[in-house]
Amino acid sequence: MKTFEVELGNEWALALSGGEFVAFDVLSAVNVEVRFTDEATPPSEELNGNGVSSWPQGWDFAISGLDPVIDRVWVRGNGTIRGIK
């Protein structure tokens, strides 16, 4: 397991590649989007992702059971996230 912290921007950033799970908390953000793909290149900037909100208990976002060879999780938004993968 590794911890990570990402400062989000308008471009898609890779949150997970080569793993089976990822979980993160929204530390300070106006909006956070997440998108799942099997592509090595970032999604188009025109594509929308699923919104992630901050919750007081537990992870704000968590997913498991991913295929470590092909599945990728991308994030973008305004602010910072911190998690494990």
N, C-alpha and C. Protein backbone atom coordinates (compact mmCIF):
# COMPACT_ATOMS: atom_id res chain seq x y z
N MET A 1 0.84 -1.17 0.00
CA MET A 1 0.00 0.00 0.00
C MET A 1 0.89 1.24 0.00
N LYS A 2 0.51 2.23 -0.81
CA LYS A 2 1.24 3.49 -0.88
C LYS A 2 0.28 4.64 -0.61
N THR A 3 0.78 5.66 0.07
CA THR A 3 -0.02 6.87 0.23
C THR A 3 0.33 7.84 -0.90
N PHE A 4 -0.61 8.71 -1.23
CA PHE A 4 -0.36 9.70 -2.27
C PHE A 4 -1.14 10.96 -1.96
N GLU A 5 -0.68 12.06 -2.54
CA GLU A 5 -1.37 13.34 -2.44
C GLU A 5 -1.28 14.00 -3.80
N VAL A 6 -2.38 14.51 -4.30
CA VAL A 6 -2.42 15.12 -5.63
C VAL A 6 -3.07 16.50 -5.53
N GLU A 7 -2.37 17.49 -6.07
CA GLU A 7 -2.94 18.83 -6.23
C GLU A 7 -3.66 18.82 -7.58
N LEU A 8 -4.97 18.97 -7.56
CA LEU A 8 -5.77 18.83 -8.76
C LEU A 8 -5.79 20.11 -9.59
N GLY A 9 -6.00 19.92 -10.89
CA GLY A 9 -6.11 21.03 -11.82
C GLY A 9 -7.16 20.71 -12.87
N ASN A 10 -7.17 21.48 -13.93
CA ASN A 10 -8.16 21.29 -15.00
C ASN A 10 -7.88 20.08 -15.87
N GLU A 11 -6.64 19.58 -15.84
CA GLU A 11 -6.28 18.42 -16.65
C GLU A 11 -6.43 17.15 -15.83
N TRP A 12 -6.75 16.05 -16.49
CA TRP A 12 -6.89 14.76 -15.82
C TRP A 12 -5.53 14.29 -15.30
N ALA A 13 -5.48 13.87 -14.05
CA ALA A 13 -4.27 13.31 -13.43
C ALA A 13 -4.53 11.85 -13.10
N LEU A 14 -3.53 11.01 -13.30
CA LEU A 14 -3.67 9.59 -13.05
C LEU A 14 -3.60 9.31 -11.55
N ALA A 15 -4.67 8.77 -10.99
CA ALA A 15 -4.70 8.42 -9.56
C ALA A 15 -4.33 6.96 -9.35
N LEU A 16 -4.61 6.09 -10.33
CA LEU A 16 -4.30 4.67 -10.19
C LEU A 16 -4.05 4.05 -11.54
N SER A 17 -2.94 3.32 -11.63
CA SER A 17 -2.61 2.48 -12.77
C SER A 17 -1.78 1.33 -12.23
N GLY A 18 -2.14 0.10 -12.54
CA GLY A 18 -1.37 -1.04 -12.07
C GLY A 18 -1.71 -1.46 -10.65
N GLY A 19 -2.92 -1.19 -10.21
CA GLY A 19 -3.34 -1.60 -8.88
C GLY A 19 -4.77 -2.09 -8.89
N GLU A 20 -5.19 -2.67 -7.76
CA GLU A 20 -6.53 -3.23 -7.66
C GLU A 20 -7.49 -2.34 -6.88
N PHE A 21 -6.96 -1.33 -6.15
CA PHE A 21 -7.86 -0.46 -5.39
C PHE A 21 -7.24 0.92 -5.20
N VAL A 22 -8.11 1.89 -4.96
CA VAL A 22 -7.68 3.24 -4.61
C VAL A 22 -8.77 3.84 -3.72
N ALA A 23 -8.35 4.61 -2.74
CA ALA A 23 -9.28 5.32 -1.86
C ALA A 23 -8.66 6.67 -1.55
N PHE A 24 -9.49 7.72 -1.49
CA PHE A 24 -8.94 9.03 -1.15
C PHE A 24 -9.96 9.90 -0.45
N ASP A 25 -9.44 10.90 0.26
CA ASP A 25 -10.24 11.94 0.91
C ASP A 25 -10.02 13.25 0.18
N VAL A 26 -11.05 14.05 0.11
CA VAL A 26 -10.95 15.40 -0.44
C VAL A 26 -10.49 16.30 0.69
N LEU A 27 -9.27 16.84 0.58
CA LEU A 27 -8.73 17.69 1.66
C LEU A 27 -9.25 19.10 1.57
N SER A 28 -9.13 19.68 0.40
CA SER A 28 -9.60 21.05 0.18
C SER A 28 -9.94 21.16 -1.29
N ALA A 29 -11.20 21.20 -1.60
CA ALA A 29 -11.57 21.24 -3.00
C ALA A 29 -12.96 21.84 -3.18
N VAL A 30 -13.11 22.52 -4.30
CA VAL A 30 -14.41 23.02 -4.70
C VAL A 30 -15.15 21.92 -5.44
N ASN A 31 -14.43 21.23 -6.31
CA ASN A 31 -15.02 20.10 -7.02
C ASN A 31 -13.93 19.08 -7.37
N VAL A 32 -14.32 17.83 -7.36
CA VAL A 32 -13.44 16.73 -7.74
C VAL A 32 -14.23 15.81 -8.66
N GLU A 33 -13.62 15.45 -9.79
CA GLU A 33 -14.23 14.51 -10.73
C GLU A 33 -13.34 13.28 -10.84
N VAL A 34 -13.95 12.12 -11.05
CA VAL A 34 -13.22 10.88 -11.24
C VAL A 34 -13.75 10.20 -12.50
N ARG A 35 -12.84 9.56 -13.24
CA ARG A 35 -13.23 8.87 -14.48
C ARG A 35 -12.41 7.58 -14.57
N PHE A 36 -13.05 6.50 -15.03
CA PHE A 36 -12.42 5.20 -15.17
C PHE A 36 -12.20 4.92 -16.66
N THR A 37 -10.99 4.43 -17.01
CA THR A 37 -10.72 4.07 -18.40
C THR A 37 -9.80 2.85 -18.44
N ASP A 38 -9.63 2.33 -19.66
CA ASP A 38 -8.61 1.31 -19.90
C ASP A 38 -7.56 1.84 -20.87
N GLU A 39 -7.51 3.16 -21.00
CA GLU A 39 -6.56 3.82 -21.90
C GLU A 39 -5.37 4.37 -21.11
N ALA A 40 -4.18 4.34 -21.70
CA ALA A 40 -2.98 4.87 -21.06
C ALA A 40 -2.88 6.39 -21.18
N THR A 41 -3.66 6.98 -22.07
CA THR A 41 -3.63 8.43 -22.23
C THR A 41 -4.80 9.05 -21.48
N PRO A 42 -4.63 10.28 -21.00
CA PRO A 42 -5.71 10.93 -20.24
C PRO A 42 -6.98 11.08 -21.08
N PRO A 43 -8.13 11.07 -20.42
CA PRO A 43 -9.38 11.33 -21.15
C PRO A 43 -9.37 12.75 -21.73
N SER A 44 -10.19 12.96 -22.72
CA SER A 44 -10.33 14.28 -23.31
C SER A 44 -10.79 15.27 -22.24
N GLU A 45 -10.28 16.50 -22.30
CA GLU A 45 -10.68 17.52 -21.34
C GLU A 45 -12.16 17.85 -21.45
N GLU A 46 -12.78 17.59 -22.61
CA GLU A 46 -14.20 17.88 -22.80
C GLU A 46 -15.10 16.88 -22.08
N LEU A 47 -14.57 15.70 -21.74
CA LEU A 47 -15.38 14.68 -21.08
C LEU A 47 -15.55 14.99 -19.59
N ASN A 48 -16.76 14.81 -19.09
CA ASN A 48 -17.04 14.99 -17.68
C ASN A 48 -16.79 13.70 -16.93
N GLY A 49 -16.49 13.83 -15.65
CA GLY A 49 -16.35 12.67 -14.79
C GLY A 49 -17.46 12.63 -13.77
N ASN A 50 -17.42 11.65 -12.90
CA ASN A 50 -18.37 11.54 -11.80
C ASN A 50 -17.90 12.40 -10.65
N GLY A 51 -18.80 13.18 -10.06
CA GLY A 51 -18.45 14.05 -8.95
C GLY A 51 -18.19 13.28 -7.66
N VAL A 52 -17.26 13.79 -6.85
CA VAL A 52 -16.94 13.21 -5.54
C VAL A 52 -17.15 14.29 -4.49
N SER A 53 -17.91 13.97 -3.46
CA SER A 53 -18.15 14.91 -2.37
C SER A 53 -17.40 14.48 -1.12
N SER A 54 -17.21 15.41 -0.21
CA SER A 54 -16.51 15.11 1.04
C SER A 54 -17.52 14.66 2.09
N TRP A 55 -17.18 13.60 2.82
CA TRP A 55 -18.03 13.05 3.87
C TRP A 55 -17.24 13.00 5.16
N PRO A 56 -17.90 13.20 6.32
CA PRO A 56 -17.17 13.27 7.58
C PRO A 56 -16.57 11.93 8.02
N GLN A 57 -17.17 10.82 7.71
CA GLN A 57 -16.68 9.51 8.15
C GLN A 57 -16.26 8.67 6.95
N GLY A 58 -15.12 7.99 7.05
CA GLY A 58 -14.68 7.09 5.99
C GLY A 58 -14.07 7.84 4.81
N TRP A 59 -13.70 7.08 3.79
CA TRP A 59 -13.12 7.65 2.58
C TRP A 59 -14.19 8.38 1.78
N ASP A 60 -13.80 9.46 1.14
CA ASP A 60 -14.72 10.18 0.25
C ASP A 60 -14.94 9.42 -1.05
N PHE A 61 -13.92 8.66 -1.47
CA PHE A 61 -14.02 7.85 -2.68
C PHE A 61 -13.22 6.58 -2.46
N ALA A 62 -13.77 5.44 -2.83
CA ALA A 62 -13.05 4.16 -2.73
C ALA A 62 -13.58 3.21 -3.80
N ILE A 63 -12.66 2.48 -4.42
CA ILE A 63 -13.04 1.47 -5.40
C ILE A 63 -12.03 0.33 -5.30
N SER A 64 -12.52 -0.89 -5.46
CA SER A 64 -11.64 -2.06 -5.42
C SER A 64 -12.09 -3.05 -6.47
N GLY A 65 -11.30 -4.11 -6.64
CA GLY A 65 -11.63 -5.14 -7.62
C GLY A 65 -11.26 -4.75 -9.04
N LEU A 66 -10.37 -3.78 -9.19
CA LEU A 66 -9.95 -3.35 -10.52
C LEU A 66 -8.94 -4.33 -11.11
N ASP A 67 -8.86 -4.38 -12.42
CA ASP A 67 -7.86 -5.18 -13.11
C ASP A 67 -6.56 -4.38 -13.14
N PRO A 68 -5.51 -4.85 -12.46
CA PRO A 68 -4.27 -4.06 -12.38
C PRO A 68 -3.55 -3.89 -13.71
N VAL A 69 -3.91 -4.67 -14.71
CA VAL A 69 -3.24 -4.58 -16.00
C VAL A 69 -3.86 -3.49 -16.87
N ILE A 70 -5.19 -3.36 -16.85
CA ILE A 70 -5.81 -2.44 -17.81
C ILE A 70 -6.57 -1.26 -17.20
N ASP A 71 -7.10 -1.40 -15.97
CA ASP A 71 -7.94 -0.33 -15.42
C ASP A 71 -7.12 0.84 -14.90
N ARG A 72 -7.63 2.05 -15.17
CA ARG A 72 -7.00 3.28 -14.70
C ARG A 72 -8.06 4.19 -14.11
N VAL A 73 -7.68 4.95 -13.09
CA VAL A 73 -8.57 5.92 -12.46
C VAL A 73 -7.94 7.29 -12.60
N TRP A 74 -8.68 8.23 -13.19
CA TRP A 74 -8.21 9.59 -13.44
C TRP A 74 -9.01 10.56 -12.57
N VAL A 75 -8.36 11.63 -12.12
CA VAL A 75 -9.04 12.65 -11.31
C VAL A 75 -8.69 14.04 -11.83
N ARG A 76 -9.59 15.00 -11.57
CA ARG A 76 -9.31 16.40 -11.86
C ARG A 76 -10.23 17.24 -10.98
N GLY A 77 -9.95 18.52 -10.89
CA GLY A 77 -10.78 19.41 -10.09
C GLY A 77 -9.99 20.58 -9.57
N ASN A 78 -10.44 21.14 -8.48
CA ASN A 78 -9.77 22.27 -7.84
C ASN A 78 -9.52 21.90 -6.39
N GLY A 79 -8.28 21.77 -5.98
CA GLY A 79 -7.97 21.44 -4.59
C GLY A 79 -7.01 20.28 -4.48
N THR A 80 -7.05 19.60 -3.34
CA THR A 80 -6.09 18.54 -3.03
C THR A 80 -6.82 17.30 -2.53
N ILE A 81 -6.34 16.12 -2.97
CA ILE A 81 -6.83 14.85 -2.43
C ILE A 81 -5.65 14.09 -1.85
N ARG A 82 -5.92 13.23 -0.87
CA ARG A 82 -4.89 12.37 -0.27
C ARG A 82 -5.50 11.00 -0.05
N GLY A 83 -4.73 9.95 -0.37
CA GLY A 83 -5.29 8.61 -0.22
C GLY A 83 -4.27 7.52 -0.21
N ILE A 84 -4.77 6.28 -0.45
CA ILE A 84 -3.93 5.08 -0.51
C ILE A 84 -4.26 4.34 -1.78
N LYS A 85 -3.27 3.58 -2.24
CA LYS A 85 -3.48 2.71 -3.41
C LYS A 85 -2.58 1.52 -3.30
